[in-house]
Amino acid sequence: MDIFGETAIVTGAASGIGLGIATALAEAGANVIMADIQKDAVEQAAHGLSSTNKRIMPIRIDVTQKQSHVDALAEPSAIDPVRVGDGLALGDLVKRNNRHRR
């Protein structure tokens, strides 16, 4: 799957599976919006990915609050996102990639 240059949003990205997914996406060439409720932790995790030479943007988001999504994604840099959440929505990435192949 070619995701080079795509922008991915990963929730739960400060640690665990979310951080693992964010790392894999950045290493595969994607720009990554790292979202987590723990602002300091997601900023620290994003700093750890700065060596990938991709655009890494940490944001604070509470996935249980709809307005938090709206506020966080109001950034103009959140263009053409691939949605990946807590390591569970990888199907969105596959579906998107398959759409481009048709």
C-alpha atoms as a PDB file:
ATOM      1  CA  MET A   1       0.000   0.000   0.000  1.00  0.00           C
ATOM      2  CA  ASP A   2       1.466   3.326  -1.062  1.00  0.00           C
ATOM      3  CA  ILE A   3       0.688   6.029   1.465  1.00  0.00           C
ATOM      4  CA  PHE A   4       3.654   8.280   0.722  1.00  0.00           C
ATOM      5  CA  GLY A   5       2.589  11.908   1.062  1.00  0.00           C
ATOM      6  CA  GLU A   6      -0.885  11.100   2.423  1.00  0.00           C
ATOM      7  CA  THR A   7      -2.015  12.600   5.722  1.00  0.00           C
ATOM      8  CA  ALA A   8      -3.164  10.244   8.466  1.00  0.00           C
ATOM      9  CA  ILE A   9      -4.969  11.065  11.683  1.00  0.00           C
ATOM     10  CA  VAL A  10      -4.156   8.630  14.480  1.00  0.00           C
ATOM     11  CA  THR A  11      -6.085   8.821  17.743  1.00  0.00           C
ATOM     12  CA  GLY A  12      -4.597   7.453  20.931  1.00  0.00           C
ATOM     13  CA  ALA A  13      -1.232   8.346  19.423  1.00  0.00           C
ATOM     14  CA  ALA A  14       0.621   9.212  22.638  1.00  0.00           C
ATOM     15  CA  SER A  15       1.361   5.576  23.466  1.00  0.00           C
ATOM     16  CA  GLY A  16       0.649   1.928  22.797  1.00  0.00           C
ATOM     17  CA  ILE A  17      -1.002   0.798  19.574  1.00  0.00           C
ATOM     18  CA  GLY A  18      -1.753   4.364  18.484  1.00  0.00           C
ATOM     19  CA  LEU A  19       1.904   5.344  18.779  1.00  0.00           C
ATOM     20  CA  GLY A  20       2.895   2.179  16.937  1.00  0.00           C
ATOM     21  CA  ILE A  21       0.537   3.009  14.076  1.00  0.00           C
ATOM     22  CA  ALA A  22       1.726   6.638  13.950  1.00  0.00           C
ATOM     23  CA  THR A  23       5.328   5.448  13.822  1.00  0.00           C
ATOM     24  CA  ALA A  24       4.633   2.912  11.046  1.00  0.00           C
ATOM     25  CA  LEU A  25       2.740   5.494   8.978  1.00  0.00           C
ATOM     26  CA  ALA A  26       5.493   8.103   9.327  1.00  0.00           C
ATOM     27  CA  GLU A  27       8.155   5.541   8.418  1.00  0.00           C
ATOM     28  CA  ALA A  28       6.064   4.583   5.349  1.00  0.00           C
ATOM     29  CA  GLY A  29       6.103   8.204   4.189  1.00  0.00           C
ATOM     30  CA  ALA A  30       2.798   9.567   5.476  1.00  0.00           C
ATOM     31  CA  ASN A  31       2.359  12.862   7.255  1.00  0.00           C
ATOM     32  CA  VAL A  32       0.794  12.143  10.637  1.00  0.00           C
ATOM     33  CA  ILE A  33      -1.603  14.107  12.803  1.00  0.00           C
ATOM     34  CA  MET A  34      -1.104  12.542  16.215  1.00  0.00           C
ATOM     35  CA  ALA A  35      -4.207  12.993  18.365  1.00  0.00           C
ATOM     36  CA  ASP A  36      -4.568  12.160  22.032  1.00  0.00           C
ATOM     37  CA  ILE A  37      -6.375  13.470  25.097  1.00  0.00           C
ATOM     38  CA  GLN A  38      -3.012  13.801  26.902  1.00  0.00           C
ATOM     39  CA  LYS A  39      -1.494  16.918  25.339  1.00  0.00           C
ATOM     40  CA  ASP A  40       1.973  16.712  26.902  1.00  0.00           C
ATOM     41  CA  ALA A  41       2.308  13.004  26.152  1.00  0.00           C
ATOM     42  CA  VAL A  42       1.308  13.338  22.484  1.00  0.00           C
ATOM     43  CA  GLU A  43       3.689  16.271  22.039  1.00  0.00           C
ATOM     44  CA  GLN A  44       6.524  14.205  23.492  1.00  0.00           C
ATOM     45  CA  ALA A  45       5.624  11.235  21.267  1.00  0.00           C
ATOM     46  CA  ALA A  46       5.506  13.498  18.200  1.00  0.00           C
ATOM     47  CA  HIS A  47       8.941  14.848  19.049  1.00  0.00           C
ATOM     48  CA  GLY A  48      10.204  11.265  19.012  1.00  0.00           C
ATOM     49  CA  LEU A  49       9.026  10.902  15.391  1.00  0.00           C
ATOM     50  CA  SER A  50      10.629  14.107  14.176  1.00  0.00           C
ATOM     51  CA  SER A  51      13.546  12.136  12.717  1.00  0.00           C
ATOM     52  CA  THR A  52      11.268  10.582  10.064  1.00  0.00           C
ATOM     53  CA  ASN A  53      11.452  13.823   8.028  1.00  0.00           C
ATOM     54  CA  LYS A  54       7.677  13.790   7.624  1.00  0.00           C
ATOM     55  CA  ARG A  55       5.254  16.388   8.872  1.00  0.00           C
ATOM     56  CA  ILE A  56       4.169  15.309  12.349  1.00  0.00           C
ATOM     57  CA  MET A  57       1.518  17.387  14.104  1.00  0.00           C
ATOM     58  CA  PRO A  58       0.412  16.622  17.680  1.00  0.00           C
ATOM     59  CA  ILE A  59      -3.071  17.744  18.684  1.00  0.00           C
ATOM     60  CA  ARG A  60      -5.162  17.313  21.809  1.00  0.00           C
ATOM     61  CA  ILE A  61      -8.490  15.674  21.133  1.00  0.00           C
ATOM     62  CA  ASP A  62     -11.122  14.036  23.313  1.00  0.00           C
ATOM     63  CA  VAL A  63     -12.676  11.443  21.000  1.00  0.00           C
ATOM     64  CA  THR A  64     -15.782  11.273  23.211  1.00  0.00           C
ATOM     65  CA  GLN A  65     -16.627  14.930  22.522  1.00  0.00           C
ATOM     66  CA  LYS A  66     -17.786  15.843  19.000  1.00  0.00           C
ATOM     67  CA  GLN A  67     -16.816  19.504  19.400  1.00  0.00           C
ATOM     68  CA  SER A  68     -13.294  18.410  20.274  1.00  0.00           C
ATOM     69  CA  HIS A  69     -13.061  16.761  16.817  1.00  0.00           C
ATOM     70  CA  VAL A  70     -14.317  19.896  15.098  1.00  0.00           C
ATOM     71  CA  ASP A  71     -11.925  22.150  16.992  1.00  0.00           C
ATOM     72  CA  ALA A  72      -8.891  19.916  16.511  1.00  0.00           C
ATOM     73  CA  LEU A  73      -9.453  19.329  12.809  1.00  0.00           C
ATOM     74  CA  ALA A  74     -10.167  22.967  11.999  1.00  0.00           C
ATOM     75  CA  GLU A  75      -6.453  23.209  11.183  1.00  0.00           C
ATOM     76  CA  PRO A  76      -5.953  23.985   7.482  1.00  0.00           C
ATOM     77  CA  SER A  77      -3.138  21.420   7.416  1.00  0.00           C
ATOM     78  CA  ALA A  78      -5.581  18.561   8.077  1.00  0.00           C
ATOM     79  CA  ILE A  79      -6.167  18.102   4.355  1.00  0.00           C
ATOM     80  CA  ASP A  80      -7.274  14.836   2.737  1.00  0.00           C
ATOM     81  CA  PRO A  81      -7.023  12.780   5.914  1.00  0.00           C
ATOM     82  CA  VAL A  82      -6.885   9.036   6.189  1.00  0.00           C
ATOM     83  CA  ARG A  83      -8.671   8.179   9.428  1.00  0.00           C
ATOM     84  CA  VAL A  84      -7.076   5.660  11.731  1.00  0.00           C
ATOM     85  CA  GLY A  85      -8.320   5.374  15.295  1.00  0.00           C
ATOM     86  CA  ASP A  86      -6.812   3.544  18.228  1.00  0.00           C
ATOM     87  CA  GLY A  87      -5.413   0.816  16.029  1.00  0.00           C
ATOM     88  CA  LEU A  88      -8.882  -0.395  15.109  1.00  0.00           C
ATOM     89  CA  ALA A  89      -9.807   1.387  11.890  1.00  0.00           C
ATOM     90  CA  LEU A  90      -7.099   0.244   9.513  1.00  0.00           C
ATOM     91  CA  GLY A  91      -9.911  -0.773   7.159  1.00  0.00           C
ATOM     92  CA  ASP A  92     -10.392   2.920   6.358  1.00  0.00           C
ATOM     93  CA  LEU A  93      -6.821   3.049   5.096  1.00  0.00           C
ATOM     94  CA  VAL A  94      -7.316  -0.039   2.932  1.00  0.00           C
ATOM     95  CA  LYS A  95     -10.667   1.169   1.553  1.00  0.00           C
ATOM     96  CA  ARG A  96      -9.155   4.526   0.641  1.00  0.00           C
ATOM     97  CA  ASN A  97      -6.215   2.912  -1.095  1.00  0.00           C
ATOM     98  CA  ASN A  98      -8.510   0.600  -3.053  1.00  0.00           C
ATOM     99  CA  ARG A  99     -10.630   3.559  -4.238  1.00  0.00           C
ATOM    100  CA  HIS A 100      -7.533   5.073  -5.865  1.00  0.00           C
ATOM    101  CA  ARG A 101      -6.860   1.851  -7.788  1.00  0.00           C
ATOM    102  CA  ARG A 102     -10.276   1.724  -9.523  1.00  0.00           C
END
